[in-house]
N, C-alpha and C. Protein backbone atom coordinates (compact mmCIF):
# COMPACT_ATOMS: atom_id res chain seq x y z
N MET A 1 7.46 -20.03 7.46
CA MET A 1 6.29 -19.75 7.63
C MET A 1 5.51 -20.09 6.35
N THR A 2 4.29 -20.73 6.54
CA THR A 2 3.67 -21.30 5.68
C THR A 2 2.40 -20.17 4.98
N ALA A 3 1.75 -20.67 3.88
CA ALA A 3 1.28 -19.39 3.11
C ALA A 3 -0.39 -19.26 4.18
N LYS A 4 -0.81 -20.19 4.72
CA LYS A 4 -1.89 -20.21 5.72
C LYS A 4 -1.43 -19.17 6.92
N GLU A 5 -0.42 -19.30 7.29
CA GLU A 5 -0.07 -18.52 8.58
C GLU A 5 0.15 -16.95 8.15
N ASN A 6 0.83 -16.94 6.76
CA ASN A 6 0.77 -15.45 6.26
C ASN A 6 -0.41 -15.03 6.32
N ILE A 7 -1.58 -15.67 5.74
CA ILE A 7 -2.90 -15.03 5.49
C ILE A 7 -3.57 -14.80 6.89
N THR A 8 -3.28 -15.40 7.73
CA THR A 8 -3.64 -15.51 9.31
C THR A 8 -3.04 -14.11 9.83
N ARG A 9 -1.94 -14.04 9.76
CA ARG A 9 -1.32 -12.81 10.29
C ARG A 9 -1.58 -11.78 9.47
N TRP A 10 -1.89 -11.58 8.19
CA TRP A 10 -2.41 -10.48 7.15
C TRP A 10 -3.96 -10.08 8.02
N ARG A 11 -4.50 -10.94 7.91
CA ARG A 11 -5.96 -10.75 8.20
C ARG A 11 -5.87 -10.05 9.75
N SER A 12 -5.05 -10.43 10.61
CA SER A 12 -5.00 -9.91 12.02
C SER A 12 -4.55 -8.55 12.17
N LEU A 13 -4.09 -7.97 11.24
CA LEU A 13 -3.60 -6.81 11.07
C LEU A 13 -4.81 -5.66 10.94
N PRO A 14 -4.60 -4.49 11.80
CA PRO A 14 -5.27 -3.17 11.87
C PRO A 14 -5.62 -2.97 10.28
N PRO A 15 -6.30 -2.31 10.00
CA PRO A 15 -6.79 -1.71 8.48
C PRO A 15 -5.59 -0.60 8.32
N GLU A 16 -5.46 0.23 9.22
CA GLU A 16 -4.29 1.25 8.96
C GLU A 16 -2.97 0.62 8.69
N GLU A 17 -2.68 -0.56 9.32
CA GLU A 17 -1.49 -1.35 8.84
C GLU A 17 -1.38 -1.86 7.43
N LYS A 18 -2.95 -2.12 7.08
CA LYS A 18 -2.91 -2.64 5.79
C LYS A 18 -2.75 -2.07 4.69
N LEU A 19 -3.43 -0.59 4.98
CA LEU A 19 -3.42 0.49 4.20
C LEU A 19 -1.80 0.91 4.21
N ARG A 20 -1.20 0.93 4.84
CA ARG A 20 0.34 1.26 4.98
C ARG A 20 1.19 0.74 4.17
N ARG A 21 1.01 -0.39 4.22
CA ARG A 21 1.78 -1.58 3.52
C ARG A 21 1.46 -1.76 2.22
N ARG A 22 0.08 -1.68 1.85
CA ARG A 22 -0.08 -1.40 0.39
C ARG A 22 0.30 -0.32 -0.07
N TRP A 23 0.41 0.92 0.50
CA TRP A 23 0.60 2.12 -0.24
C TRP A 23 2.16 2.12 -0.17
N GLU A 24 2.99 1.41 0.72
CA GLU A 24 4.42 1.58 0.47
C GLU A 24 4.92 0.40 -0.57
N ALA A 25 4.10 -0.48 -1.11
CA ALA A 25 4.31 -1.53 -2.27
C ALA A 25 4.00 -0.79 -3.53
N ILE A 26 3.28 0.27 -3.71
CA ILE A 26 3.00 0.96 -5.00
C ILE A 26 4.12 1.19 -5.87
N PRO A 27 5.32 1.73 -5.27
CA PRO A 27 6.35 2.08 -6.21
C PRO A 27 7.20 1.03 -6.86
N GLN A 28 7.36 -0.05 -6.15
CA GLN A 28 8.12 -0.98 -6.67
C GLN A 28 7.11 -1.86 -7.67
N LYS A 29 5.82 -2.00 -7.23
CA LYS A 29 4.91 -2.52 -8.16
C LYS A 29 5.04 -1.92 -9.54
N VAL A 30 4.83 -0.32 -9.40
CA VAL A 30 4.40 0.25 -10.57
C VAL A 30 5.86 0.21 -11.60
N ALA A 31 6.79 0.23 -10.96
CA ALA A 31 8.62 0.21 -11.52
C ALA A 31 8.64 -0.96 -12.26
N ARG A 32 8.13 -1.94 -11.81
CA ARG A 32 8.52 -3.53 -12.49
C ARG A 32 7.42 -3.65 -13.56
N SER A 33 6.06 -3.01 -13.25
CA SER A 33 5.03 -3.14 -14.41
C SER A 33 5.94 -2.08 -15.86
N MET A 34 6.07 -1.03 -15.31
CA MET A 34 6.51 -0.34 -16.31
C MET A 34 7.66 -0.67 -17.11
N ALA A 35 9.09 -1.30 -16.28
CA ALA A 35 9.94 -1.86 -17.05
C ALA A 35 9.53 -3.09 -17.85
N PHE A 36 8.49 -3.93 -17.80
CA PHE A 36 8.14 -4.73 -18.43
C PHE A 36 7.60 -4.55 -19.43
N GLU A 37 6.71 -3.23 -19.50
CA GLU A 37 6.43 -2.38 -20.92
C GLU A 37 7.03 -2.04 -21.89
N GLY A 38 8.29 -1.77 -21.16
CA GLY A 38 9.96 -1.41 -22.02
C GLY A 38 9.86 0.14 -21.86
N GLU A 39 9.19 0.82 -20.56
CA GLU A 39 9.27 2.35 -20.33
C GLU A 39 9.78 2.05 -18.77
N PRO A 40 10.82 1.79 -18.66
CA PRO A 40 11.29 1.89 -17.16
C PRO A 40 11.44 3.36 -16.88
N VAL A 41 11.05 3.35 -15.29
CA VAL A 41 11.19 4.50 -14.36
C VAL A 41 11.60 4.05 -12.91
N THR A 42 12.27 5.27 -12.39
CA THR A 42 12.84 4.54 -11.18
C THR A 42 11.98 4.96 -10.18
N VAL A 43 12.11 4.05 -9.12
CA VAL A 43 11.06 4.04 -8.02
C VAL A 43 11.21 5.36 -7.44
N GLU A 44 12.12 5.78 -7.30
CA GLU A 44 12.33 7.39 -6.77
C GLU A 44 11.27 8.25 -7.35
N ARG A 45 11.27 8.38 -8.60
CA ARG A 45 10.44 9.20 -9.11
C ARG A 45 8.91 8.89 -8.84
N ILE A 46 8.46 7.56 -8.66
CA ILE A 46 7.12 7.25 -8.49
C ILE A 46 7.06 7.51 -6.84
N ARG A 47 7.84 7.46 -6.09
CA ARG A 47 8.03 7.84 -4.83
C ARG A 47 7.48 9.51 -4.85
N GLU A 48 8.15 10.29 -5.52
CA GLU A 48 7.83 11.96 -5.57
C GLU A 48 6.56 12.02 -5.85
N GLY A 49 5.93 11.21 -6.97
CA GLY A 49 4.78 11.53 -7.42
C GLY A 49 3.71 11.13 -6.39
N LEU A 50 4.04 9.92 -5.45
CA LEU A 50 2.88 9.58 -4.28
C LEU A 50 3.23 10.51 -3.28
N ALA A 51 4.27 11.12 -2.89
CA ALA A 51 4.50 12.07 -2.23
C ALA A 51 3.59 13.37 -2.28
N ARG A 52 3.49 13.81 -3.63
CA ARG A 52 2.69 15.16 -4.09
C ARG A 52 1.32 14.71 -3.75
N SER A 53 0.74 13.37 -3.91
CA SER A 53 -0.60 13.21 -3.45
C SER A 53 -0.87 12.89 -2.20
N GLY A 54 -0.04 12.44 -1.52
CA GLY A 54 -0.26 11.94 -0.15
C GLY A 54 -0.89 10.67 -0.19
N PRO A 55 -0.95 9.98 1.28
CA PRO A 55 -1.24 8.54 1.15
C PRO A 55 -3.06 8.84 1.33
N PRO A 56 -3.76 7.70 0.49
CA PRO A 56 -5.28 7.69 1.00
C PRO A 56 -5.62 7.66 2.48
N VAL A 57 -6.70 7.82 2.51
CA VAL A 57 -7.52 7.88 3.99
C VAL A 57 -8.54 6.86 3.86
N LEU A 58 -8.61 6.17 5.17
CA LEU A 58 -9.44 5.05 4.95
C LEU A 58 -10.87 5.74 4.89
N SER A 59 -11.95 5.17 4.16
CA SER A 59 -13.15 5.44 3.83
C SER A 59 -13.96 5.33 4.81
N LYS A 60 -13.68 4.19 5.59
CA LYS A 60 -14.73 3.87 6.57
C LYS A 60 -14.30 4.02 8.18
N PRO A 61 -15.25 4.53 8.85
CA PRO A 61 -14.43 4.76 10.32
C PRO A 61 -14.44 3.43 10.98
N ARG A 62 -13.24 3.29 11.88
CA ARG A 62 -13.19 2.01 12.40
C ARG A 62 -14.24 2.03 13.40
N LYS A 63 -14.52 0.67 13.79
CA LYS A 63 -15.59 0.34 14.71
C LYS A 63 -15.32 0.86 15.97
N GLY A 64 -16.35 1.16 16.81
CA GLY A 64 -16.50 1.82 17.79
C GLY A 64 -15.54 3.36 18.06
N ALA A 65 -15.42 4.05 16.86
CA ALA A 65 -14.90 5.32 16.74
C ALA A 65 -15.97 6.42 16.91
N CYS A 66 -15.77 7.35 17.68
CA CYS A 66 -17.28 8.54 17.93
C CYS A 66 -17.05 9.13 16.60
N PRO A 67 -18.11 9.56 16.29
CA PRO A 67 -18.13 10.57 14.96
C PRO A 67 -17.79 11.77 15.82
N GLY A 68 -17.02 12.67 14.83
CA GLY A 68 -16.36 13.75 15.36
C GLY A 68 -16.67 14.83 14.87
């Protein structure tokens, strides 16, 4: 798959799916960053912290959604 195909595929995803994928990528990104800084932390510990705060909510309602 080319970079252009990847970009097109990402842009076609619904906002909820993009948010879910970004949220799931946080623990690994933070763990790599912490290890790089010489302060390693386990991915599981980061996931525990995120589980306490819960996933973010989309700030903008979807187009065509009824205000409720």
